[in-house]
Amino acid sequence: MAALIVKPKVPVSGSAAVLSTMRTALGNDAGVRYVRPMAGDAHVVQLTAPAQRDQIPALIERLRASGAFQYVELDSMMKIK
């Protein structure tokens, strides 16, 4: 499933705080798994079942619209042309 890079507006420490903020935005039954912290108070999280690939853009928009995150983006390999 897809991995996301998220940066909460309020810096949090620990995976539980990041996942709690995401579940508040997406609902308690949201399938999310903490992967690892990044520099600059960002975190990598993975969307798991029941999220389907075609739902990912809408889930990203819900996280952005929640106002709890400075940014949310898909964790993907950047291609330089």
C-alpha atoms as a PDB file:
ATOM      1  CA  MET A   1       0.000   0.000   0.000  1.00  0.00           C
ATOM      2  CA  ALA A   2       1.029   3.641  -0.201  1.00  0.00           C
ATOM      3  CA  ALA A   3       3.429   5.406   2.117  1.00  0.00           C
ATOM      4  CA  LEU A   4       2.929   9.068   3.003  1.00  0.00           C
ATOM      5  CA  ILE A   5       5.199  11.755   4.374  1.00  0.00           C
ATOM      6  CA  VAL A   6       3.334  13.843   6.928  1.00  0.00           C
ATOM      7  CA  LYS A   7       4.400  16.795   9.029  1.00  0.00           C
ATOM      8  CA  PRO A   8       2.021  17.764  11.829  1.00  0.00           C
ATOM      9  CA  LYS A   9       1.559  21.510  12.392  1.00  0.00           C
ATOM     10  CA  VAL A  10       2.355  20.964  16.061  1.00  0.00           C
ATOM     11  CA  PRO A  11       5.556  18.919  16.442  1.00  0.00           C
ATOM     12  CA  VAL A  12       4.878  15.573  18.110  1.00  0.00           C
ATOM     13  CA  SER A  13       7.228  12.962  19.443  1.00  0.00           C
ATOM     14  CA  GLY A  14       6.478   9.312  19.093  1.00  0.00           C
ATOM     15  CA  SER A  15       4.513   7.225  16.687  1.00  0.00           C
ATOM     16  CA  ALA A  16       1.354   7.093  18.822  1.00  0.00           C
ATOM     17  CA  ALA A  17       0.820  10.861  18.579  1.00  0.00           C
ATOM     18  CA  VAL A  18       1.240  10.863  14.793  1.00  0.00           C
ATOM     19  CA  LEU A  19      -1.140   7.927  14.324  1.00  0.00           C
ATOM     20  CA  SER A  20      -3.683   9.462  16.704  1.00  0.00           C
ATOM     21  CA  THR A  21      -3.693  12.708  14.703  1.00  0.00           C
ATOM     22  CA  MET A  22      -4.157  10.767  11.464  1.00  0.00           C
ATOM     23  CA  ARG A  23      -6.984   8.645  12.888  1.00  0.00           C
ATOM     24  CA  THR A  24      -8.732  11.787  14.098  1.00  0.00           C
ATOM     25  CA  ALA A  25      -8.690  13.093  10.518  1.00  0.00           C
ATOM     26  CA  LEU A  26      -9.489   9.794   8.771  1.00  0.00           C
ATOM     27  CA  GLY A  27     -11.604   7.973  11.357  1.00  0.00           C
ATOM     28  CA  ASN A  28     -10.682   5.417  13.992  1.00  0.00           C
ATOM     29  CA  ASP A  29     -11.006   2.495  11.591  1.00  0.00           C
ATOM     30  CA  ALA A  30      -8.386   3.972   9.235  1.00  0.00           C
ATOM     31  CA  GLY A  31      -5.612   1.553   8.411  1.00  0.00           C
ATOM     32  CA  VAL A  32      -2.364   3.373   9.169  1.00  0.00           C
ATOM     33  CA  ARG A  33       1.011   2.065  10.303  1.00  0.00           C
ATOM     34  CA  TYR A  34       3.951   4.130  11.509  1.00  0.00           C
ATOM     35  CA  VAL A  35       7.131   3.498   9.502  1.00  0.00           C
ATOM     36  CA  ARG A  36       9.793   5.926  10.736  1.00  0.00           C
ATOM     37  CA  PRO A  37      10.613   9.497  11.730  1.00  0.00           C
ATOM     38  CA  MET A  38      12.327  11.883   9.320  1.00  0.00           C
ATOM     39  CA  ALA A  39      14.321  15.057   9.763  1.00  0.00           C
ATOM     40  CA  GLY A  40      12.425  18.279  10.381  1.00  0.00           C
ATOM     41  CA  ASP A  41       9.581  16.752  12.446  1.00  0.00           C
ATOM     42  CA  ALA A  42       8.189  14.821   9.466  1.00  0.00           C
ATOM     43  CA  HIS A  43       7.154  11.164   9.607  1.00  0.00           C
ATOM     44  CA  VAL A  44       6.636   8.317   7.149  1.00  0.00           C
ATOM     45  CA  VAL A  45       3.381   6.410   7.622  1.00  0.00           C
ATOM     46  CA  GLN A  46       1.847   3.650   5.558  1.00  0.00           C
ATOM     47  CA  LEU A  47      -1.797   3.405   4.571  1.00  0.00           C
ATOM     48  CA  THR A  48      -2.975  -0.170   5.003  1.00  0.00           C
ATOM     49  CA  ALA A  49      -6.247  -2.002   4.492  1.00  0.00           C
ATOM     50  CA  PRO A  50      -9.059  -1.070   4.168  1.00  0.00           C
ATOM     51  CA  ALA A  51      -7.681   1.785   2.002  1.00  0.00           C
ATOM     52  CA  GLN A  52      -7.671   1.003  -1.713  1.00  0.00           C
ATOM     53  CA  ARG A  53      -5.214   2.482  -4.216  1.00  0.00           C
ATOM     54  CA  ASP A  54      -7.905   4.573  -5.921  1.00  0.00           C
ATOM     55  CA  GLN A  55      -8.856   6.126  -2.541  1.00  0.00           C
ATOM     56  CA  ILE A  56      -5.366   7.450  -1.767  1.00  0.00           C
ATOM     57  CA  PRO A  57      -5.761  10.926  -3.363  1.00  0.00           C
ATOM     58  CA  ALA A  58      -8.994  11.496  -1.418  1.00  0.00           C
ATOM     59  CA  LEU A  59      -7.381  10.333   1.838  1.00  0.00           C
ATOM     60  CA  ILE A  60      -4.462  12.714   1.288  1.00  0.00           C
ATOM     61  CA  GLU A  61      -6.926  15.565   0.732  1.00  0.00           C
ATOM     62  CA  ARG A  62      -8.813  14.660   3.931  1.00  0.00           C
ATOM     63  CA  LEU A  63      -5.564  14.807   5.895  1.00  0.00           C
ATOM     64  CA  ARG A  64      -4.668  18.178   4.342  1.00  0.00           C
ATOM     65  CA  ALA A  65      -8.167  19.555   4.949  1.00  0.00           C
ATOM     66  CA  SER A  66      -8.069  18.530   8.615  1.00  0.00           C
ATOM     67  CA  GLY A  67      -5.764  21.449   9.370  1.00  0.00           C
ATOM     68  CA  ALA A  68      -3.602  19.233  11.590  1.00  0.00           C
ATOM     69  CA  PHE A  69      -0.746  18.865   9.109  1.00  0.00           C
ATOM     70  CA  GLN A  70       1.705  21.335   7.647  1.00  0.00           C
ATOM     71  CA  TYR A  71       2.024  19.029   4.659  1.00  0.00           C
ATOM     72  CA  VAL A  72       1.003  15.575   3.454  1.00  0.00           C
ATOM     73  CA  GLU A  73       2.520  14.021   0.353  1.00  0.00           C
ATOM     74  CA  LEU A  74       2.941  10.639  -1.244  1.00  0.00           C
ATOM     75  CA  ASP A  75       6.321   9.076  -0.442  1.00  0.00           C
ATOM     76  CA  SER A  76       7.593   8.257  -3.896  1.00  0.00           C
ATOM     77  CA  MET A  77      10.821   8.213  -5.830  1.00  0.00           C
ATOM     78  CA  MET A  78      11.450  11.559  -7.476  1.00  0.00           C
ATOM     79  CA  LYS A  79      12.347  11.360 -11.145  1.00  0.00           C
ATOM     80  CA  ILE A  80      14.690  13.921 -12.616  1.00  0.00           C
ATOM     81  CA  LYS A  81      14.118  14.547 -16.305  1.00  0.00           C
END
